[in-house]
Amino acid sequence: MSGSPPPATAPLLTVPPGRPLPHPGSLDLYLLRVPDVRGIALDTAVLDDGERRRAAELAHADDRIRFTTAHLALRRLLSTYLDTRPQDIRYGRETCPCCGGPHGRPTVLGATRELHFSLSHRGDLVLMGTAVAPIGVDVDLIADPASATELAAMLHPAEQAEIQALPPMRRPRALARLWTRKEAYLKGLGTGLGRDPAADYVGSGSPDGPHPPAGWTLLDIPVDRGYAAAVAVHATLTIPAPRLSRLSSHDIRDTPPDGAAGR
């Protein structure tokens, strides 16, 4: 009808506000499949100028959708912990341990509760982690054998030896498992790949389990076929396994927010 306001954009997650923080010695993990939000109108006004600019600079539509979905989901999630509006979240950076610059771990400026978080997205998956201690998460596709060989050359010498000791067909999966552990740890440190990936041993790439640096816990996270994922937290976990919430289309509304219906 003429003069009617445009339909309200649906919120991405239906998790209510006031969500309790993870207990010390625990963490929360969330996995979202990007295809589950296709067809949902994503409210990019919730993002800040930097996020919208970074999304616009991506050449491929699928990359823009994945980036936008991931960053909207993170804002919605953090808002449920911090009891604030997603669009009111302002990000900052801690000091980088490598160079002292302002590009270390991301943080929420002015947050009333101490909350650490990490975000990773690749392919169809978005992985988010929260804790009350420094945390890093990483999800990645299992590389083809040629790409796996190039990636292995960047690892700690002991990790390279362990990968080479495996039969060729097992190396890509083992490497993906090992590499996601590595990236999760470096994100948790706040250095990212500014720190030489060969500097720390987090192998082996076998399912026997990671070997975390002192003071850290490293865990492999079961995700969709064709992917590997891991989390690193600067704490000793007091729970047997972290909770992984798989967000789906049931967590995505296609109706207006409260107060918008009937206009």
C-alpha atoms as a PDB file:
ATOM      1  CA  MET A   1       0.000   0.000   0.000  1.00  0.00           C
ATOM      2  CA  SER A   2       1.254   3.465  -0.855  1.00  0.00           C
ATOM      3  CA  GLY A   3       3.005   5.202   2.035  1.00  0.00           C
ATOM      4  CA  SER A   4       3.553   1.951   3.987  1.00  0.00           C
ATOM      5  CA  PRO A   5       7.018   1.460   5.507  1.00  0.00           C
ATOM      6  CA  PRO A   6       9.241  -1.236   4.002  1.00  0.00           C
ATOM      7  CA  PRO A   7       9.009  -4.667   5.645  1.00  0.00           C
ATOM      8  CA  ALA A   8      11.276  -5.117   8.674  1.00  0.00           C
ATOM      9  CA  THR A   9      14.388  -7.160   8.150  1.00  0.00           C
ATOM     10  CA  ALA A  10      14.455 -10.411  10.093  1.00  0.00           C
ATOM     11  CA  PRO A  11      16.977 -10.854  12.909  1.00  0.00           C
ATOM     12  CA  LEU A  12      19.530 -13.549  12.209  1.00  0.00           C
ATOM     13  CA  LEU A  13      19.413 -15.383  15.537  1.00  0.00           C
ATOM     14  CA  THR A  14      16.520 -15.906  17.927  1.00  0.00           C
ATOM     15  CA  VAL A  15      18.689 -16.427  21.042  1.00  0.00           C
ATOM     16  CA  PRO A  16      17.188 -14.237  23.811  1.00  0.00           C
ATOM     17  CA  PRO A  17      19.230 -11.518  25.524  1.00  0.00           C
ATOM     18  CA  GLY A  18      20.774 -12.001  28.950  1.00  0.00           C
ATOM     19  CA  ARG A  19      22.587 -15.187  27.961  1.00  0.00           C
ATOM     20  CA  PRO A  20      24.894 -16.283  30.817  1.00  0.00           C
ATOM     21  CA  LEU A  21      28.612 -16.131  30.169  1.00  0.00           C
ATOM     22  CA  PRO A  22      30.494 -19.413  29.848  1.00  0.00           C
ATOM     23  CA  HIS A  23      31.747 -20.546  33.261  1.00  0.00           C
ATOM     24  CA  PRO A  24      35.498 -20.285  33.933  1.00  0.00           C
ATOM     25  CA  GLY A  25      37.071 -23.457  32.586  1.00  0.00           C
ATOM     26  CA  SER A  26      34.436 -23.818  29.859  1.00  0.00           C
ATOM     27  CA  LEU A  27      33.566 -22.313  26.500  1.00  0.00           C
ATOM     28  CA  ASP A  28      30.650 -22.098  24.094  1.00  0.00           C
ATOM     29  CA  LEU A  29      30.825 -22.898  20.394  1.00  0.00           C
ATOM     30  CA  TYR A  30      28.344 -22.080  17.628  1.00  0.00           C
ATOM     31  CA  LEU A  31      28.246 -23.432  14.084  1.00  0.00           C
ATOM     32  CA  LEU A  32      26.127 -21.894  11.344  1.00  0.00           C
ATOM     33  CA  ARG A  33      25.739 -23.103   7.759  1.00  0.00           C
ATOM     34  CA  VAL A  34      25.600 -20.206   5.320  1.00  0.00           C
ATOM     35  CA  PRO A  35      23.080 -21.959   2.992  1.00  0.00           C
ATOM     36  CA  ASP A  36      20.589 -21.899   5.873  1.00  0.00           C
ATOM     37  CA  VAL A  37      20.291 -18.108   5.568  1.00  0.00           C
ATOM     38  CA  ARG A  38      19.889 -17.899   1.800  1.00  0.00           C
ATOM     39  CA  GLY A  39      16.652 -16.127   1.029  1.00  0.00           C
ATOM     40  CA  ILE A  40      16.641 -14.343   4.393  1.00  0.00           C
ATOM     41  CA  ALA A  41      16.919 -10.550   4.175  1.00  0.00           C
ATOM     42  CA  LEU A  42      20.122  -9.721   6.046  1.00  0.00           C
ATOM     43  CA  ASP A  43      20.033  -6.354   7.793  1.00  0.00           C
ATOM     44  CA  THR A  44      23.415  -4.904   6.851  1.00  0.00           C
ATOM     45  CA  ALA A  45      22.532  -1.694   8.708  1.00  0.00           C
ATOM     46  CA  VAL A  46      23.485  -3.613  11.856  1.00  0.00           C
ATOM     47  CA  LEU A  47      27.104  -3.725  10.645  1.00  0.00           C
ATOM     48  CA  ASP A  48      29.509  -0.835  11.085  1.00  0.00           C
ATOM     49  CA  ASP A  49      31.025   1.121   8.209  1.00  0.00           C
ATOM     50  CA  GLY A  50      34.207  -0.958   8.218  1.00  0.00           C
ATOM     51  CA  GLU A  51      32.334  -4.252   7.980  1.00  0.00           C
ATOM     52  CA  ARG A  52      30.117  -3.008   5.156  1.00  0.00           C
ATOM     53  CA  ARG A  53      33.178  -1.700   3.297  1.00  0.00           C
ATOM     54  CA  ARG A  54      35.048  -4.984   3.668  1.00  0.00           C
ATOM     55  CA  ALA A  55      32.016  -6.919   2.420  1.00  0.00           C
ATOM     56  CA  ALA A  56      31.615  -4.610  -0.578  1.00  0.00           C
ATOM     57  CA  GLU A  57      35.268  -5.060  -1.517  1.00  0.00           C
ATOM     58  CA  LEU A  58      34.829  -8.831  -1.954  1.00  0.00           C
ATOM     59  CA  ALA A  59      34.635  -9.678  -5.645  1.00  0.00           C
ATOM     60  CA  HIS A  60      32.344 -12.722  -5.471  1.00  0.00           C
ATOM     61  CA  ALA A  61      28.736 -12.711  -4.296  1.00  0.00           C
ATOM     62  CA  ASP A  62      29.188 -15.923  -2.295  1.00  0.00           C
ATOM     63  CA  ASP A  63      32.099 -14.356  -0.407  1.00  0.00           C
ATOM     64  CA  ARG A  64      30.017 -11.268   0.372  1.00  0.00           C
ATOM     65  CA  ILE A  65      27.128 -13.400   1.639  1.00  0.00           C
ATOM     66  CA  ARG A  66      29.435 -15.498   3.800  1.00  0.00           C
ATOM     67  CA  PHE A  67      31.214 -12.464   5.259  1.00  0.00           C
ATOM     68  CA  THR A  68      27.955 -10.611   5.950  1.00  0.00           C
ATOM     69  CA  THR A  69      26.300 -13.667   7.479  1.00  0.00           C
ATOM     70  CA  ALA A  70      29.297 -14.336   9.726  1.00  0.00           C
ATOM     71  CA  HIS A  71      29.581 -10.790  11.030  1.00  0.00           C
ATOM     72  CA  LEU A  72      25.845 -10.375  11.545  1.00  0.00           C
ATOM     73  CA  ALA A  73      25.739 -13.676  13.421  1.00  0.00           C
ATOM     74  CA  LEU A  74      28.633 -12.600  15.644  1.00  0.00           C
ATOM     75  CA  ARG A  75      26.966  -9.284  16.487  1.00  0.00           C
ATOM     76  CA  ARG A  76      23.663 -11.007  17.260  1.00  0.00           C
ATOM     77  CA  LEU A  77      25.443 -13.553  19.447  1.00  0.00           C
ATOM     78  CA  LEU A  78      27.531 -11.030  21.365  1.00  0.00           C
ATOM     79  CA  SER A  79      24.456  -8.885  21.935  1.00  0.00           C
ATOM     80  CA  THR A  80      22.744 -11.785  23.742  1.00  0.00           C
ATOM     81  CA  TYR A  81      25.678 -12.060  26.165  1.00  0.00           C
ATOM     82  CA  LEU A  82      26.111  -8.317  26.644  1.00  0.00           C
ATOM     83  CA  ASP A  83      22.393  -7.456  26.666  1.00  0.00           C
ATOM     84  CA  THR A  84      22.758  -4.702  24.105  1.00  0.00           C
ATOM     85  CA  ARG A  85      21.624  -4.057  20.558  1.00  0.00           C
ATOM     86  CA  PRO A  86      23.791  -5.698  17.863  1.00  0.00           C
ATOM     87  CA  GLN A  87      24.264  -2.383  16.054  1.00  0.00           C
ATOM     88  CA  ASP A  88      25.548  -0.758  19.262  1.00  0.00           C
ATOM     89  CA  ILE A  89      28.529  -3.121  19.551  1.00  0.00           C
ATOM     90  CA  ARG A  90      31.810  -1.331  18.827  1.00  0.00           C
ATOM     91  CA  TYR A  91      34.903  -3.407  18.217  1.00  0.00           C
ATOM     92  CA  GLY A  92      38.455  -2.631  19.236  1.00  0.00           C
ATOM     93  CA  ARG A  93      41.747  -4.469  19.262  1.00  0.00           C
ATOM     94  CA  GLU A  94      44.080  -5.477  22.052  1.00  0.00           C
ATOM     95  CA  THR A  95      47.827  -4.901  21.755  1.00  0.00           C
ATOM     96  CA  CYS A  96      49.582  -7.294  19.363  1.00  0.00           C
ATOM     97  CA  PRO A  97      52.059  -9.492  21.282  1.00  0.00           C
ATOM     98  CA  CYS A  98      54.383  -9.524  18.248  1.00  0.00           C
ATOM     99  CA  CYS A  99      54.870  -5.827  17.568  1.00  0.00           C
ATOM    100  CA  GLY A 100      52.911  -3.904  20.170  1.00  0.00           C
ATOM    101  CA  GLY A 101      50.574  -2.478  17.532  1.00  0.00           C
ATOM    102  CA  PRO A 102      46.788  -2.093  17.986  1.00  0.00           C
ATOM    103  CA  HIS A 103      45.817  -5.210  16.033  1.00  0.00           C
ATOM    104  CA  GLY A 104      45.741  -8.037  18.567  1.00  0.00           C
ATOM    105  CA  ARG A 105      42.681  -9.978  19.694  1.00  0.00           C
ATOM    106  CA  PRO A 106      39.338  -8.335  18.880  1.00  0.00           C
ATOM    107  CA  THR A 107      37.355  -6.974  21.808  1.00  0.00           C
ATOM    108  CA  VAL A 108      34.068  -5.171  22.442  1.00  0.00           C
ATOM    109  CA  LEU A 109      34.688  -1.592  23.540  1.00  0.00           C
ATOM    110  CA  GLY A 110      32.844  -0.539  26.688  1.00  0.00           C
ATOM    111  CA  ALA A 111      31.493  -4.041  27.385  1.00  0.00           C
ATOM    112  CA  THR A 112      29.976  -4.387  30.854  1.00  0.00           C
ATOM    113  CA  ARG A 113      30.954  -8.078  31.089  1.00  0.00           C
ATOM    114  CA  GLU A 114      34.317  -9.663  30.383  1.00  0.00           C
ATOM    115  CA  LEU A 115      33.819 -11.778  27.294  1.00  0.00           C
ATOM    116  CA  HIS A 116      36.383 -13.133  24.836  1.00  0.00           C
ATOM    117  CA  PHE A 117      35.274 -14.287  21.401  1.00  0.00           C
ATOM    118  CA  SER A 118      36.566 -15.549  18.072  1.00  0.00           C
ATOM    119  CA  LEU A 119      35.085 -15.926  14.589  1.00  0.00           C
ATOM    120  CA  SER A 120      36.084 -18.045  11.587  1.00  0.00           C
ATOM    121  CA  HIS A 121      34.276 -18.658   8.310  1.00  0.00           C
ATOM    122  CA  ARG A 122      35.136 -20.731   5.272  1.00  0.00           C
ATOM    123  CA  GLY A 123      33.064 -22.297   2.523  1.00  0.00           C
ATOM    124  CA  ASP A 124      29.562 -22.926   3.848  1.00  0.00           C
ATOM    125  CA  LEU A 125      30.475 -22.772   7.549  1.00  0.00           C
ATOM    126  CA  VAL A 126      30.690 -20.050  10.190  1.00  0.00           C
ATOM    127  CA  LEU A 127      32.252 -20.991  13.545  1.00  0.00           C
ATOM    128  CA  MET A 128      32.084 -18.764  16.627  1.00  0.00           C
ATOM    129  CA  GLY A 129      33.535 -19.316  20.095  1.00  0.00           C
ATOM    130  CA  THR A 130      33.095 -17.487  23.404  1.00  0.00           C
ATOM    131  CA  ALA A 131      34.810 -17.816  26.786  1.00  0.00           C
ATOM    132  CA  VAL A 132      35.897 -15.724  29.761  1.00  0.00           C
ATOM    133  CA  ALA A 133      39.523 -16.354  28.742  1.00  0.00           C
ATOM    134  CA  PRO A 134      41.367 -15.641  25.464  1.00  0.00           C
ATOM    135  CA  ILE A 135      39.987 -17.922  22.759  1.00  0.00           C
ATOM    136  CA  GLY A 136      40.566 -18.648  19.084  1.00  0.00           C
ATOM    137  CA  VAL A 137      38.583 -20.752  16.629  1.00  0.00           C
ATOM    138  CA  ASP A 138      39.309 -21.822  13.076  1.00  0.00           C
ATOM    139  CA  VAL A 139      37.406 -23.750  10.411  1.00  0.00           C
ATOM    140  CA  ASP A 140      38.866 -24.675   7.039  1.00  0.00           C
ATOM    141  CA  LEU A 141      38.293 -26.849   4.019  1.00  0.00           C
ATOM    142  CA  ILE A 142      40.395 -29.959   3.603  1.00  0.00           C
ATOM    143  CA  ALA A 143      42.902 -28.980   0.923  1.00  0.00           C
ATOM    144  CA  ASP A 144      43.744 -30.946  -2.202  1.00  0.00           C
ATOM    145  CA  PRO A 145      47.061 -32.882  -2.052  1.00  0.00           C
ATOM    146  CA  ALA A 146      49.057 -30.233  -3.953  1.00  0.00           C
ATOM    147  CA  SER A 147      47.868 -27.391  -1.718  1.00  0.00           C
ATOM    148  CA  ALA A 148      48.409 -29.545   1.360  1.00  0.00           C
ATOM    149  CA  THR A 149      52.064 -30.034   0.420  1.00  0.00           C
ATOM    150  CA  GLU A 150      52.590 -26.264   0.172  1.00  0.00           C
ATOM    151  CA  LEU A 151      50.865 -25.651   3.490  1.00  0.00           C
ATOM    152  CA  ALA A 152      52.870 -28.353   5.266  1.00  0.00           C
ATOM    153  CA  ALA A 153      56.094 -26.537   4.406  1.00  0.00           C
ATOM    154  CA  MET A 154      55.048 -23.706   6.778  1.00  0.00           C
ATOM    155  CA  LEU A 155      54.750 -25.954   9.842  1.00  0.00           C
ATOM    156  CA  HIS A 156      57.005 -26.748  12.771  1.00  0.00           C
ATOM    157  CA  PRO A 157      59.715 -29.263  11.693  1.00  0.00           C
ATOM    158  CA  ALA A 158      58.294 -31.972  13.968  1.00  0.00           C
ATOM    159  CA  GLU A 159      54.820 -31.416  12.499  1.00  0.00           C
ATOM    160  CA  GLN A 160      56.207 -31.629   8.975  1.00  0.00           C
ATOM    161  CA  ALA A 161      57.854 -34.938   9.851  1.00  0.00           C
ATOM    162  CA  GLU A 162      54.613 -36.323  11.261  1.00  0.00           C
ATOM    163  CA  ILE A 163      52.664 -35.351   8.137  1.00  0.00           C
ATOM    164  CA  GLN A 164      55.318 -36.865   5.858  1.00  0.00           C
ATOM    165  CA  ALA A 165      55.187 -40.118   7.838  1.00  0.00           C
ATOM    166  CA  LEU A 166      51.542 -40.613   6.899  1.00  0.00           C
ATOM    167  CA  PRO A 167      50.361 -42.337   3.705  1.00  0.00           C
ATOM    168  CA  PRO A 168      49.804 -39.686   0.985  1.00  0.00           C
ATOM    169  CA  MET A 169      46.018 -40.096   0.956  1.00  0.00           C
ATOM    170  CA  ARG A 170      45.803 -39.352   4.694  1.00  0.00           C
ATOM    171  CA  ARG A 171      47.947 -36.223   4.619  1.00  0.00           C
ATOM    172  CA  PRO A 172      45.363 -33.615   3.506  1.00  0.00           C
ATOM    173  CA  ARG A 173      42.926 -34.453   6.313  1.00  0.00           C
ATOM    174  CA  ALA A 174      45.680 -34.673   8.916  1.00  0.00           C
ATOM    175  CA  LEU A 175      47.127 -31.381   7.741  1.00  0.00           C
ATOM    176  CA  ALA A 176      43.733 -29.644   7.877  1.00  0.00           C
ATOM    177  CA  ARG A 177      43.277 -30.899  11.426  1.00  0.00           C
ATOM    178  CA  LEU A 178      46.719 -29.679  12.412  1.00  0.00           C
ATOM    179  CA  TRP A 179      46.449 -26.344  10.598  1.00  0.00           C
ATOM    180  CA  THR A 180      43.137 -25.402  12.204  1.00  0.00           C
ATOM    181  CA  ARG A 181      44.669 -26.114  15.618  1.00  0.00           C
ATOM    182  CA  LYS A 182      47.563 -23.859  14.689  1.00  0.00           C
ATOM    183  CA  GLU A 183      45.388 -20.979  13.473  1.00  0.00           C
ATOM    184  CA  ALA A 184      43.037 -21.256  16.452  1.00  0.00           C
ATOM    185  CA  TYR A 185      46.026 -20.991  18.808  1.00  0.00           C
ATOM    186  CA  LEU A 186      47.528 -18.024  16.952  1.00  0.00           C
ATOM    187  CA  LYS A 187      44.165 -16.249  17.002  1.00  0.00           C
ATOM    188  CA  GLY A 188      43.909 -16.921  20.716  1.00  0.00           C
ATOM    189  CA  LEU A 189      47.371 -15.433  21.211  1.00  0.00           C
ATOM    190  CA  GLY A 190      46.271 -12.375  19.270  1.00  0.00           C
ATOM    191  CA  THR A 191      49.069 -12.602  16.706  1.00  0.00           C
ATOM    192  CA  GLY A 192      47.403 -14.452  13.852  1.00  0.00           C
ATOM    193  CA  LEU A 193      49.889 -15.383  11.167  1.00  0.00           C
ATOM    194  CA  GLY A 194      52.058 -12.448  12.224  1.00  0.00           C
ATOM    195  CA  ARG A 195      53.720 -15.129  14.344  1.00  0.00           C
ATOM    196  CA  ASP A 196      55.665 -17.742  12.376  1.00  0.00           C
ATOM    197  CA  PRO A 197      53.490 -20.891  12.135  1.00  0.00           C
ATOM    198  CA  ALA A 198      56.678 -22.949  12.515  1.00  0.00           C
ATOM    199  CA  ALA A 199      57.419 -21.435  15.945  1.00  0.00           C
ATOM    200  CA  ASP A 200      54.957 -23.558  17.944  1.00  0.00           C
ATOM    201  CA  TYR A 201      54.314 -27.285  18.013  1.00  0.00           C
ATOM    202  CA  VAL A 202      50.614 -28.183  18.165  1.00  0.00           C
ATOM    203  CA  GLY A 203      50.763 -31.570  16.339  1.00  0.00           C
ATOM    204  CA  SER A 204      50.316 -34.234  15.609  1.00  0.00           C
ATOM    205  CA  GLY A 205      47.834 -34.199  12.799  1.00  0.00           C
ATOM    206  CA  SER A 206      46.443 -37.564  13.891  1.00  0.00           C
ATOM    207  CA  PRO A 207      43.116 -37.972  15.732  1.00  0.00           C
ATOM    208  CA  ASP A 208      45.068 -38.855  18.890  1.00  0.00           C
ATOM    209  CA  GLY A 209      44.757 -35.240  19.961  1.00  0.00           C
ATOM    210  CA  PRO A 210      46.651 -31.977  19.897  1.00  0.00           C
ATOM    211  CA  HIS A 211      49.666 -31.038  21.996  1.00  0.00           C
ATOM    212  CA  PRO A 212      48.793 -27.585  23.347  1.00  0.00           C
ATOM    213  CA  PRO A 213      51.411 -25.056  24.437  1.00  0.00           C
ATOM    214  CA  ALA A 214      51.652 -24.518  28.191  1.00  0.00           C
ATOM    215  CA  GLY A 215      48.562 -22.927  29.696  1.00  0.00           C
ATOM    216  CA  TRP A 216      46.382 -23.593  26.658  1.00  0.00           C
ATOM    217  CA  THR A 217      43.744 -26.162  25.758  1.00  0.00           C
ATOM    218  CA  LEU A 218      43.407 -27.225  22.113  1.00  0.00           C
ATOM    219  CA  LEU A 219      40.456 -29.244  20.877  1.00  0.00           C
ATOM    220  CA  ASP A 220      39.382 -30.588  17.499  1.00  0.00           C
ATOM    221  CA  ILE A 221      35.760 -29.693  16.730  1.00  0.00           C
ATOM    222  CA  PRO A 222      33.616 -32.121  14.723  1.00  0.00           C
ATOM    223  CA  VAL A 223      32.019 -30.253  11.826  1.00  0.00           C
ATOM    224  CA  ASP A 224      30.663 -31.055   8.371  1.00  0.00           C
ATOM    225  CA  ARG A 225      32.345 -33.486   6.024  1.00  0.00           C
ATOM    226  CA  GLY A 226      35.117 -31.907   3.980  1.00  0.00           C
ATOM    227  CA  TYR A 227      36.065 -29.485   6.766  1.00  0.00           C
ATOM    228  CA  ALA A 228      38.262 -29.418   9.854  1.00  0.00           C
ATOM    229  CA  ALA A 229      37.863 -27.128  12.850  1.00  0.00           C
ATOM    230  CA  ALA A 230      39.545 -26.444  16.164  1.00  0.00           C
ATOM    231  CA  VAL A 231      39.372 -24.204  19.231  1.00  0.00           C
ATOM    232  CA  ALA A 232      42.148 -22.933  21.492  1.00  0.00           C
ATOM    233  CA  VAL A 233      41.456 -21.369  24.901  1.00  0.00           C
ATOM    234  CA  HIS A 234      43.923 -19.972  27.430  1.00  0.00           C
ATOM    235  CA  ALA A 235      42.552 -22.090  30.255  1.00  0.00           C
ATOM    236  CA  THR A 236      42.376 -25.602  31.603  1.00  0.00           C
ATOM    237  CA  LEU A 237      38.905 -26.881  30.820  1.00  0.00           C
ATOM    238  CA  THR A 238      36.940 -28.317  33.721  1.00  0.00           C
ATOM    239  CA  ILE A 239      34.326 -29.898  31.451  1.00  0.00           C
ATOM    240  CA  PRO A 240      34.752 -33.059  29.359  1.00  0.00           C
ATOM    241  CA  ALA A 241      33.790 -31.376  26.089  1.00  0.00           C
ATOM    242  CA  PRO A 242      32.587 -27.913  25.046  1.00  0.00           C
ATOM    243  CA  ARG A 243      29.006 -27.391  23.985  1.00  0.00           C
ATOM    244  CA  LEU A 244      28.604 -26.969  20.227  1.00  0.00           C
ATOM    245  CA  SER A 245      25.323 -25.331  19.255  1.00  0.00           C
ATOM    246  CA  ARG A 246      24.481 -25.993  15.627  1.00  0.00           C
ATOM    247  CA  LEU A 247      22.434 -23.044  14.457  1.00  0.00           C
ATOM    248  CA  SER A 248      20.016 -23.812  11.669  1.00  0.00           C
ATOM    249  CA  SER A 249      17.045 -22.365   9.809  1.00  0.00           C
ATOM    250  CA  HIS A 250      15.058 -22.808  13.039  1.00  0.00           C
ATOM    251  CA  ASP A 251      17.243 -20.081  14.566  1.00  0.00           C
ATOM    252  CA  ILE A 252      16.506 -17.646  11.750  1.00  0.00           C
ATOM    253  CA  ARG A 253      13.239 -15.746  11.711  1.00  0.00           C
ATOM    254  CA  ASP A 254      11.440 -14.687   8.563  1.00  0.00           C
ATOM    255  CA  THR A 255       8.982 -12.555  10.552  1.00  0.00           C
ATOM    256  CA  PRO A 256       9.439  -8.968  11.735  1.00  0.00           C
ATOM    257  CA  PRO A 257      10.947  -8.242  15.147  1.00  0.00           C
ATOM    258  CA  ASP A 258       8.612  -7.468  18.077  1.00  0.00           C
ATOM    259  CA  GLY A 259       6.708  -4.260  17.474  1.00  0.00           C
ATOM    260  CA  ALA A 260       7.163  -4.290  13.706  1.00  0.00           C
ATOM    261  CA  ALA A 261       4.245  -6.556  12.797  1.00  0.00           C
ATOM    262  CA  GLY A 262       1.002  -5.034  11.701  1.00  0.00           C
ATOM    263  CA  ARG A 263       2.406  -1.708  10.549  1.00  0.00           C
END
